[in-house]
N, C-alpha and C. Protein backbone atom coordinates (compact mmCIF):
# COMPACT_ATOMS: atom_id res chain seq x y z
N MET A 1 -7.91 26.44 0.18
CA MET A 1 -9.23 26.07 -0.24
C MET A 1 -9.60 24.74 0.42
N ILE A 2 -10.83 24.54 0.60
CA ILE A 2 -11.34 23.30 1.19
C ILE A 2 -11.80 22.38 0.05
N LYS A 3 -11.33 21.15 0.07
CA LYS A 3 -11.73 20.15 -0.93
C LYS A 3 -12.62 19.11 -0.26
N ILE A 4 -13.70 18.77 -0.91
CA ILE A 4 -14.60 17.73 -0.43
C ILE A 4 -14.31 16.48 -1.26
N LEU A 5 -13.96 15.41 -0.60
CA LEU A 5 -13.54 14.19 -1.28
C LEU A 5 -14.64 13.13 -1.37
N LEU A 6 -15.88 13.58 -1.37
CA LEU A 6 -17.00 12.64 -1.37
C LEU A 6 -16.99 11.75 -2.61
N SER A 7 -16.66 12.30 -3.77
CA SER A 7 -16.66 11.48 -4.98
C SER A 7 -15.64 10.34 -4.87
N SER A 8 -14.48 10.63 -4.30
CA SER A 8 -13.46 9.58 -4.11
C SER A 8 -13.91 8.53 -3.11
N ARG A 9 -14.51 8.98 -2.00
CA ARG A 9 -14.95 8.03 -0.98
C ARG A 9 -16.05 7.13 -1.53
N LEU A 10 -16.98 7.69 -2.28
CA LEU A 10 -18.04 6.86 -2.86
C LEU A 10 -17.44 5.89 -3.89
N GLY A 11 -16.49 6.37 -4.67
CA GLY A 11 -15.83 5.50 -5.64
C GLY A 11 -15.10 4.34 -4.97
N ASP A 12 -14.45 4.62 -3.83
CA ASP A 12 -13.74 3.58 -3.09
C ASP A 12 -14.70 2.46 -2.68
N ARG A 13 -15.92 2.83 -2.32
CA ARG A 13 -16.91 1.86 -1.87
C ARG A 13 -17.80 1.34 -3.00
N ARG A 14 -17.65 1.95 -4.17
CA ARG A 14 -18.49 1.62 -5.32
C ARG A 14 -19.97 1.90 -5.03
N TRP A 15 -20.19 3.03 -4.35
CA TRP A 15 -21.54 3.48 -4.05
C TRP A 15 -21.91 4.60 -5.00
N THR A 16 -23.19 4.74 -5.27
CA THR A 16 -23.68 5.88 -6.02
C THR A 16 -24.11 6.96 -5.03
N GLN A 17 -24.37 8.13 -5.57
CA GLN A 17 -24.91 9.20 -4.73
C GLN A 17 -26.25 8.77 -4.16
N ALA A 18 -27.04 8.07 -4.96
CA ALA A 18 -28.36 7.60 -4.50
C ALA A 18 -28.20 6.61 -3.34
N ASP A 19 -27.19 5.74 -3.39
CA ASP A 19 -26.94 4.81 -2.28
C ASP A 19 -26.70 5.59 -0.99
N LEU A 20 -25.86 6.62 -1.08
CA LEU A 20 -25.55 7.41 0.11
C LEU A 20 -26.78 8.15 0.61
N ALA A 21 -27.56 8.69 -0.30
CA ALA A 21 -28.78 9.40 0.09
C ALA A 21 -29.74 8.46 0.84
N ARG A 22 -29.89 7.23 0.32
CA ARG A 22 -30.77 6.26 0.99
C ARG A 22 -30.25 5.89 2.37
N LYS A 23 -28.96 5.68 2.49
CA LYS A 23 -28.38 5.24 3.77
C LYS A 23 -28.38 6.34 4.83
N THR A 24 -28.30 7.60 4.40
CA THR A 24 -28.20 8.70 5.36
C THR A 24 -29.49 9.47 5.56
N GLY A 25 -30.40 9.40 4.60
CA GLY A 25 -31.62 10.20 4.66
C GLY A 25 -31.39 11.64 4.21
N ILE A 26 -30.21 11.93 3.68
CA ILE A 26 -29.92 13.27 3.17
C ILE A 26 -30.49 13.38 1.76
N ARG A 27 -31.08 14.53 1.44
CA ARG A 27 -31.68 14.73 0.12
C ARG A 27 -30.66 14.47 -0.99
N PRO A 28 -31.05 13.82 -2.05
CA PRO A 28 -30.14 13.57 -3.17
C PRO A 28 -29.50 14.84 -3.74
N THR A 29 -30.26 15.94 -3.76
CA THR A 29 -29.72 17.21 -4.25
C THR A 29 -28.55 17.68 -3.38
N THR A 30 -28.68 17.52 -2.08
CA THR A 30 -27.61 17.91 -1.16
C THR A 30 -26.38 17.04 -1.37
N ILE A 31 -26.59 15.74 -1.53
CA ILE A 31 -25.48 14.81 -1.79
C ILE A 31 -24.78 15.22 -3.09
N SER A 32 -25.55 15.53 -4.12
CA SER A 32 -24.99 15.93 -5.40
C SER A 32 -24.15 17.20 -5.28
N GLU A 33 -24.64 18.17 -4.53
CA GLU A 33 -23.89 19.42 -4.35
C GLU A 33 -22.57 19.18 -3.62
N LEU A 34 -22.58 18.30 -2.64
CA LEU A 34 -21.34 17.95 -1.95
C LEU A 34 -20.41 17.18 -2.88
N TYR A 35 -20.96 16.23 -3.61
CA TYR A 35 -20.20 15.39 -4.52
C TYR A 35 -19.47 16.23 -5.56
N HIS A 36 -20.15 17.24 -6.09
CA HIS A 36 -19.57 18.11 -7.12
C HIS A 36 -18.89 19.34 -6.55
N GLU A 37 -18.75 19.42 -5.23
CA GLU A 37 -18.09 20.53 -4.52
C GLU A 37 -18.70 21.88 -4.91
N MET A 38 -20.01 21.93 -4.93
CA MET A 38 -20.73 23.14 -5.29
C MET A 38 -21.34 23.84 -4.07
N VAL A 39 -20.90 23.49 -2.87
CA VAL A 39 -21.47 24.07 -1.66
C VAL A 39 -20.54 25.12 -1.08
N GLU A 40 -21.13 26.12 -0.45
CA GLU A 40 -20.35 27.12 0.27
C GLU A 40 -20.44 26.87 1.77
N ARG A 41 -21.49 26.19 2.19
CA ARG A 41 -21.68 25.87 3.60
C ARG A 41 -22.06 24.40 3.71
N VAL A 42 -21.66 23.80 4.81
CA VAL A 42 -22.03 22.40 5.03
C VAL A 42 -22.73 22.26 6.36
N ASN A 43 -23.63 21.33 6.42
CA ASN A 43 -24.38 21.02 7.63
C ASN A 43 -23.57 19.98 8.41
N LEU A 44 -23.24 20.28 9.66
CA LEU A 44 -22.43 19.36 10.46
C LEU A 44 -23.13 18.03 10.69
N GLU A 45 -24.43 18.04 10.81
CA GLU A 45 -25.18 16.79 10.97
C GLU A 45 -25.04 15.92 9.72
N HIS A 46 -25.05 16.56 8.55
CA HIS A 46 -24.86 15.81 7.31
C HIS A 46 -23.48 15.18 7.26
N LEU A 47 -22.46 15.95 7.65
CA LEU A 47 -21.10 15.40 7.68
C LEU A 47 -21.02 14.21 8.63
N ASP A 48 -21.67 14.33 9.77
CA ASP A 48 -21.68 13.24 10.75
C ASP A 48 -22.32 11.99 10.15
N LEU A 49 -23.46 12.16 9.50
CA LEU A 49 -24.16 11.03 8.88
C LEU A 49 -23.32 10.39 7.77
N ILE A 50 -22.70 11.22 6.96
CA ILE A 50 -21.88 10.71 5.86
C ILE A 50 -20.67 9.95 6.39
N CYS A 51 -20.00 10.51 7.39
CA CYS A 51 -18.85 9.81 7.98
C CYS A 51 -19.27 8.47 8.58
N GLU A 52 -20.42 8.45 9.24
CA GLU A 52 -20.91 7.20 9.82
C GLU A 52 -21.24 6.18 8.72
N ALA A 53 -21.91 6.63 7.68
CA ALA A 53 -22.30 5.72 6.60
C ALA A 53 -21.08 5.17 5.86
N LEU A 54 -20.07 6.02 5.66
CA LEU A 54 -18.88 5.61 4.92
C LEU A 54 -17.80 5.03 5.84
N ASP A 55 -18.09 5.03 7.14
CA ASP A 55 -17.13 4.52 8.13
C ASP A 55 -15.76 5.18 7.93
N CYS A 56 -15.78 6.52 7.95
CA CYS A 56 -14.54 7.26 7.76
C CYS A 56 -14.46 8.43 8.73
N ASP A 57 -13.29 9.01 8.84
CA ASP A 57 -13.09 10.21 9.64
C ASP A 57 -13.35 11.43 8.78
N LEU A 58 -13.65 12.54 9.41
CA LEU A 58 -13.87 13.78 8.68
C LEU A 58 -12.66 14.14 7.82
N SER A 59 -11.47 13.82 8.31
CA SER A 59 -10.25 14.12 7.55
C SER A 59 -10.14 13.29 6.27
N ASN A 60 -10.93 12.22 6.16
CA ASN A 60 -10.98 11.43 4.92
C ASN A 60 -11.99 12.00 3.93
N LEU A 61 -12.77 12.95 4.39
CA LEU A 61 -13.85 13.51 3.60
C LEU A 61 -13.59 14.95 3.18
N ILE A 62 -12.93 15.71 4.05
CA ILE A 62 -12.66 17.12 3.79
C ILE A 62 -11.19 17.40 4.09
N VAL A 63 -10.52 18.08 3.16
CA VAL A 63 -9.11 18.43 3.37
C VAL A 63 -8.89 19.90 3.01
N TYR A 64 -7.86 20.46 3.60
CA TYR A 64 -7.45 21.83 3.31
C TYR A 64 -6.28 21.80 2.34
N VAL A 65 -6.41 22.51 1.24
CA VAL A 65 -5.33 22.65 0.26
C VAL A 65 -4.99 24.14 0.23
N PRO A 66 -3.74 24.50 0.52
CA PRO A 66 -3.39 25.93 0.53
C PRO A 66 -3.75 26.61 -0.80
N ASN A 67 -4.24 27.83 -0.70
CA ASN A 67 -4.60 28.61 -1.87
C ASN A 67 -3.35 29.02 -2.64
N LYS A 68 -3.42 29.03 -3.96
CA LYS A 68 -2.28 29.46 -4.77
C LYS A 68 -1.99 30.93 -4.53
N GLU A 69 -3.05 31.69 -4.36
CA GLU A 69 -2.92 33.11 -4.07
C GLU A 69 -3.61 33.36 -2.73
N PRO A 70 -2.91 33.95 -1.75
CA PRO A 70 -3.52 34.16 -0.43
C PRO A 70 -4.78 35.01 -0.50
N LYS A 71 -5.74 34.66 0.35
CA LYS A 71 -6.98 35.44 0.44
C LYS A 71 -6.90 36.47 1.56
N ILE A 72 -5.86 36.37 2.39
CA ILE A 72 -5.68 37.28 3.51
C ILE A 72 -4.39 38.06 3.28
N VAL A 73 -4.48 39.37 3.43
CA VAL A 73 -3.32 40.24 3.30
C VAL A 73 -2.98 40.75 4.69
N HIS A 74 -1.71 40.68 5.06
CA HIS A 74 -1.29 41.18 6.37
C HIS A 74 -0.96 42.67 6.26
N THR A 75 -1.45 43.44 7.21
CA THR A 75 -1.22 44.88 7.21
C THR A 75 0.13 45.20 7.82
N ILE A 76 0.51 46.46 7.81
CA ILE A 76 1.81 46.89 8.34
C ILE A 76 1.97 46.48 9.81
N ASN A 77 0.93 46.58 10.61
CA ASN A 77 1.04 46.22 12.03
C ASN A 77 0.95 44.70 12.25
N GLY A 78 0.84 43.95 11.15
CA GLY A 78 0.86 42.50 11.25
C GLY A 78 -0.47 41.83 11.41
N SER A 79 -1.52 42.63 11.61
CA SER A 79 -2.83 41.99 11.76
C SER A 79 -3.42 41.64 10.39
N PRO A 80 -4.02 40.45 10.30
CA PRO A 80 -4.57 40.02 9.00
C PRO A 80 -5.88 40.71 8.67
N LYS A 81 -6.13 40.90 7.41
CA LYS A 81 -7.43 41.39 6.96
C LYS A 81 -7.76 40.67 5.66
N PRO A 82 -9.04 40.43 5.39
CA PRO A 82 -9.42 39.74 4.16
C PRO A 82 -9.00 40.56 2.95
N LYS A 83 -8.55 39.87 1.92
CA LYS A 83 -8.17 40.52 0.67
C LYS A 83 -9.43 40.99 -0.04
N ASP A 84 -9.37 42.16 -0.65
CA ASP A 84 -10.52 42.68 -1.41
C ASP A 84 -10.81 41.74 -2.56
N ILE A 85 -12.09 41.46 -2.75
CA ILE A 85 -12.49 40.54 -3.82
C ILE A 85 -12.86 41.30 -5.06
């Protein structure tokens, strides 16, 4: 699973979501959705602006945490296929 660490990064700087929205020009609603990890897709331009504003690397903002249960099942021939949801 992908984790968005925006809440931690803002906490480190003692910034509010509104501070980040003002500094980046990103809509407050979008910042809130990222902050609460409620997004399924992210805008690369937004990530670029956030990294610039927070003076951080993308790896400080987004991390991969292995899923407890795999989402991909390997078939007999070894090729992966998405697990049925």
